[in-house]
């Protein structure tokens, strides 16, 4: 299961946008969903 999340994390790193330099107060709900998804995949790939 961990290998699947590691592959997803690599795909996310290439395809999904980065939010590190954006103002988090101005994001849409869709952007928050992407951040949550990336967080979920990252946490599960590290376990």
PDB file of N, CA and C in Angstrom:
ATOM      1  N   UNK A   1       0.822  -1.201   0.000  1.00  0.00           N
ATOM      2  CA  UNK A   1       0.000   0.000   0.000  1.00  0.00           C
ATOM      3  C   UNK A   1       0.863   1.261   0.000  1.00  0.00           C
ATOM      4  N   UNK A   2       1.975   1.200   0.731  1.00  0.00           N
ATOM      5  CA  UNK A   2       2.854   2.361   0.809  1.00  0.00           C
ATOM      6  C   UNK A   2       3.429   2.711  -0.561  1.00  0.00           C
ATOM      7  N   UNK A   3       3.727   1.697  -1.356  1.00  0.00           N
ATOM      8  CA  UNK A   3       4.303   1.938  -2.676  1.00  0.00           C
ATOM      9  C   UNK A   3       3.334   2.706  -3.573  1.00  0.00           C
ATOM     10  N   UNK A   4       2.049   2.436  -3.437  1.00  0.00           N
ATOM     11  CA  UNK A   4       1.041   3.153  -4.227  1.00  0.00           C
ATOM     12  C   UNK A   4       1.047   4.637  -3.872  1.00  0.00           C
ATOM     13  N   UNK A   5       1.118   4.932  -2.573  1.00  0.00           N
ATOM     14  CA  UNK A   5       1.122   6.332  -2.151  1.00  0.00           C
ATOM     15  C   UNK A   5       2.419   7.034  -2.550  1.00  0.00           C
ATOM     16  N   UNK A   6       3.517   6.318  -2.575  1.00  0.00           N
ATOM     17  CA  UNK A   6       4.774   6.931  -3.020  1.00  0.00           C
ATOM     18  C   UNK A   6       4.714   7.276  -4.500  1.00  0.00           C
ATOM     19  N   UNK A   7       4.099   6.414  -5.290  1.00  0.00           N
ATOM     20  CA  UNK A   7       3.924   6.703  -6.717  1.00  0.00           C
ATOM     21  C   UNK A   7       2.990   7.898  -6.900  1.00  0.00           C
ATOM     22  N   UNK A   8       1.891   7.927  -6.135  1.00  0.00           N
ATOM     23  CA  UNK A   8       0.968   9.064  -6.204  1.00  0.00           C
ATOM     24  C   UNK A   8       1.660  10.362  -5.810  1.00  0.00           C
ATOM     25  N   UNK A   9       2.513  10.316  -4.802  1.00  0.00           N
ATOM     26  CA  UNK A   9       3.228  11.515  -4.361  1.00  0.00           C
ATOM     27  C   UNK A   9       4.137  12.041  -5.463  1.00  0.00           C
ATOM     28  N   UNK A  10       4.796  11.154  -6.191  1.00  0.00           N
ATOM     29  CA  UNK A  10       5.660  11.586  -7.293  1.00  0.00           C
ATOM     30  C   UNK A  10       4.847  12.195  -8.432  1.00  0.00           C
ATOM     31  N   UNK A  11       3.694  11.596  -8.713  1.00  0.00           N
ATOM     32  CA  UNK A  11       2.814  12.134  -9.755  1.00  0.00           C
ATOM     33  C   UNK A  11       2.288  13.504  -9.341  1.00  0.00           C
ATOM     34  N   UNK A  12       1.884  13.634  -8.071  1.00  0.00           N
ATOM     35  CA  UNK A  12       1.374  14.912  -7.571  1.00  0.00           C
ATOM     36  C   UNK A  12       2.432  16.005  -7.666  1.00  0.00           C
ATOM     37  N   UNK A  13       3.670  15.651  -7.371  1.00  0.00           N
ATOM     38  CA  UNK A  13       4.747  16.632  -7.401  1.00  0.00           C
ATOM     39  C   UNK A  13       4.933  17.204  -8.801  1.00  0.00           C
ATOM     40  N   UNK A  14       4.695  16.388  -9.801  1.00  0.00           N
ATOM     41  CA  UNK A  14       4.880  16.836 -11.188  1.00  0.00           C
ATOM     42  C   UNK A  14       3.638  17.559 -11.717  1.00  0.00           C
ATOM     43  N   UNK A  15       2.455  17.026 -11.436  1.00  0.00           N
ATOM     44  CA  UNK A  15       1.242  17.520 -12.083  1.00  0.00           C
ATOM     45  C   UNK A  15       0.504  18.626 -11.339  1.00  0.00           C
ATOM     46  N   UNK A  16       0.427  18.539 -10.030  1.00  0.00           N
ATOM     47  CA  UNK A  16      -0.403  19.482  -9.278  1.00  0.00           C
ATOM     48  C   UNK A  16       0.358  20.759  -8.947  1.00  0.00           C
ATOM     49  N   UNK A  17      -0.365  21.867  -8.829  1.00  0.00           N
ATOM     50  CA  UNK A  17       0.295  23.145  -8.541  1.00  0.00           C
ATOM     51  C   UNK A  17       0.833  23.197  -7.119  1.00  0.00           C
ATOM     52  N   UNK A  18       1.824  24.068  -6.913  1.00  0.00           N
ATOM     53  CA  UNK A  18       2.388  24.275  -5.582  1.00  0.00           C
ATOM     54  C   UNK A  18       1.765  25.531  -4.977  1.00  0.00           C
ATOM     55  N   UNK A  19       1.525  25.476  -3.669  1.00  0.00           N
ATOM     56  CA  UNK A  19       0.865  26.593  -2.995  1.00  0.00           C
ATOM     57  C   UNK A  19       1.761  27.238  -1.944  1.00  0.00           C
ATOM     58  N   UNK A  20       3.051  26.969  -1.978  1.00  0.00           N
ATOM     59  CA  UNK A  20       3.936  27.462  -0.930  1.00  0.00           C
ATOM     60  C   UNK A  20       4.148  28.974  -0.988  1.00  0.00           C
ATOM     61  N   UNK A  21       4.020  29.578  -2.144  1.00  0.00           N
ATOM     62  CA  UNK A  21       4.255  31.018  -2.265  1.00  0.00           C
ATOM     63  C   UNK A  21       2.973  31.811  -2.472  1.00  0.00           C
ATOM     64  N   UNK A  22       1.859  31.193  -2.202  1.00  0.00           N
ATOM     65  CA  UNK A  22       0.577  31.888  -2.375  1.00  0.00           C
ATOM     66  C   UNK A  22      -0.005  32.263  -1.019  1.00  0.00           C
ATOM     67  N   UNK A  23      -0.855  33.266  -1.024  1.00  0.00           N
ATOM     68  CA  UNK A  23      -1.561  33.669   0.189  1.00  0.00           C
ATOM     69  C   UNK A  23      -2.692  32.677   0.431  1.00  0.00           C
ATOM     70  N   UNK A  24      -2.625  31.941   1.528  1.00  0.00           N
ATOM     71  CA  UNK A  24      -3.612  30.903   1.800  1.00  0.00           C
ATOM     72  C   UNK A  24      -5.003  31.460   2.094  1.00  0.00           C
ATOM     73  N   UNK A  25      -5.079  32.732   2.448  1.00  0.00           N
ATOM     74  CA  UNK A  25      -6.389  33.340   2.718  1.00  0.00           C
ATOM     75  C   UNK A  25      -7.175  33.622   1.447  1.00  0.00           C
ATOM     76  N   UNK A  26      -6.519  33.607   0.303  1.00  0.00           N
ATOM     77  CA  UNK A  26      -7.181  33.954  -0.957  1.00  0.00           C
ATOM     78  C   UNK A  26      -7.459  32.743  -1.840  1.00  0.00           C
ATOM     79  N   UNK A  27      -7.305  31.537  -1.316  1.00  0.00           N
ATOM     80  CA  UNK A  27      -7.521  30.331  -2.110  1.00  0.00           C
ATOM     81  C   UNK A  27      -8.998  29.970  -2.166  1.00  0.00           C
ATOM     82  N   UNK A  28      -9.373  29.283  -3.226  1.00  0.00           N
ATOM     83  CA  UNK A  28     -10.752  28.809  -3.354  1.00  0.00           C
ATOM     84  C   UNK A  28     -10.899  27.468  -2.640  1.00  0.00           C
ATOM     85  N   UNK A  29     -12.124  27.003  -2.533  1.00  0.00           N
ATOM     86  CA  UNK A  29     -12.377  25.718  -1.893  1.00  0.00           C
ATOM     87  C   UNK A  29     -11.750  24.572  -2.681  1.00  0.00           C
ATOM     88  N   UNK A  30     -11.697  24.701  -3.983  1.00  0.00           N
ATOM     89  CA  UNK A  30     -11.053  23.691  -4.815  1.00  0.00           C
ATOM     90  C   UNK A  30      -9.554  23.617  -4.520  1.00  0.00           C
ATOM     91  N   UNK A  31      -8.926  24.782  -4.329  1.00  0.00           N
ATOM     92  CA  UNK A  31      -7.508  24.809  -3.983  1.00  0.00           C
ATOM     93  C   UNK A  31      -7.263  24.150  -2.634  1.00  0.00           C
ATOM     94  N   UNK A  32      -8.151  24.399  -1.666  1.00  0.00           N
ATOM     95  CA  UNK A  32      -8.029  23.741  -0.365  1.00  0.00           C
ATOM     96  C   UNK A  32      -8.194  22.235  -0.488  1.00  0.00           C
ATOM     97  N   UNK A  33      -9.045  21.788  -1.391  1.00  0.00           N
ATOM     98  CA  UNK A  33      -9.222  20.351  -1.610  1.00  0.00           C
ATOM     99  C   UNK A  33      -7.941  19.738  -2.177  1.00  0.00           C
ATOM    100  N   UNK A  34      -7.284  20.437  -3.080  1.00  0.00           N
ATOM    101  CA  UNK A  34      -6.018  19.948  -3.635  1.00  0.00           C
ATOM    102  C   UNK A  34      -4.958  19.879  -2.544  1.00  0.00           C
ATOM    103  N   UNK A  35      -4.887  20.889  -1.699  1.00  0.00           N
ATOM    104  CA  UNK A  35      -3.918  20.883  -0.600  1.00  0.00           C
ATOM    105  C   UNK A  35      -4.190  19.716   0.346  1.00  0.00           C
ATOM    106  N   UNK A  36      -5.448  19.477   0.662  1.00  0.00           N
ATOM    107  CA  UNK A  36      -5.808  18.362   1.530  1.00  0.00           C
ATOM    108  C   UNK A  36      -5.452  17.023   0.915  1.00  0.00           C
ATOM    109  N   UNK A  37      -5.689  16.879  -0.365  1.00  0.00           N
ATOM    110  CA  UNK A  37      -5.355  15.636  -1.063  1.00  0.00           C
ATOM    111  C   UNK A  37      -3.848  15.409  -1.059  1.00  0.00           C
ATOM    112  N   UNK A  38      -3.088  16.451  -1.359  1.00  0.00           N
ATOM    113  CA  UNK A  38      -1.623  16.319  -1.359  1.00  0.00           C
ATOM    114  C   UNK A  38      -1.115  15.968   0.030  1.00  0.00           C
ATOM    115  N   UNK A  39      -1.701  16.561   1.054  1.00  0.00           N
ATOM    116  CA  UNK A  39      -1.311  16.263   2.438  1.00  0.00           C
ATOM    117  C   UNK A  39      -1.606  14.807   2.772  1.00  0.00           C
ATOM    118  N   UNK A  40      -2.783  14.336   2.411  1.00  0.00           N
ATOM    119  CA  UNK A  40      -3.193  12.952   2.684  1.00  0.00           C
ATOM    120  C   UNK A  40      -2.259  11.953   2.003  1.00  0.00           C
ATOM    121  N   UNK A  41      -1.919  12.207   0.748  1.00  0.00           N
ATOM    122  CA  UNK A  41      -1.026  11.318   0.018  1.00  0.00           C
ATOM    123  C   UNK A  41       0.374  11.353   0.634  1.00  0.00           C
ATOM    124  N   UNK A  42       0.856  12.526   0.985  1.00  0.00           N
ATOM    125  CA  UNK A  42       2.191  12.646   1.569  1.00  0.00           C
ATOM    126  C   UNK A  42       2.285  11.913   2.894  1.00  0.00           C
ATOM    127  N   UNK A  43       1.314  12.100   3.770  1.00  0.00           N
ATOM    128  CA  UNK A  43       1.327  11.431   5.067  1.00  0.00           C
ATOM    129  C   UNK A  43       1.295   9.921   4.900  1.00  0.00           C
ATOM    130  N   UNK A  44       0.475   9.420   4.000  1.00  0.00           N
ATOM    131  CA  UNK A  44       0.384   7.977   3.808  1.00  0.00           C
ATOM    132  C   UNK A  44       1.621   7.411   3.106  1.00  0.00           C
ATOM    133  N   UNK A  45       2.306   8.200   2.328  1.00  0.00           N
ATOM    134  CA  UNK A  45       3.520   7.686   1.679  1.00  0.00           C
ATOM    135  C   UNK A  45       4.691   7.627   2.663  1.00  0.00           C
ATOM    136  N   UNK A  46       4.626   8.386   3.732  1.00  0.00           N
ATOM    137  CA  UNK A  46       5.696   8.387   4.722  1.00  0.00           C
ATOM    138  C   UNK A  46       5.511   7.331   5.810  1.00  0.00           C
ATOM    139  N   UNK A  47       4.340   6.764   5.922  1.00  0.00           N
ATOM    140  CA  UNK A  47       4.078   5.762   6.969  1.00  0.00           C
ATOM    141  C   UNK A  47       4.638   4.436   6.624  1.00  0.00           C
TER     142      UNK A  47
END
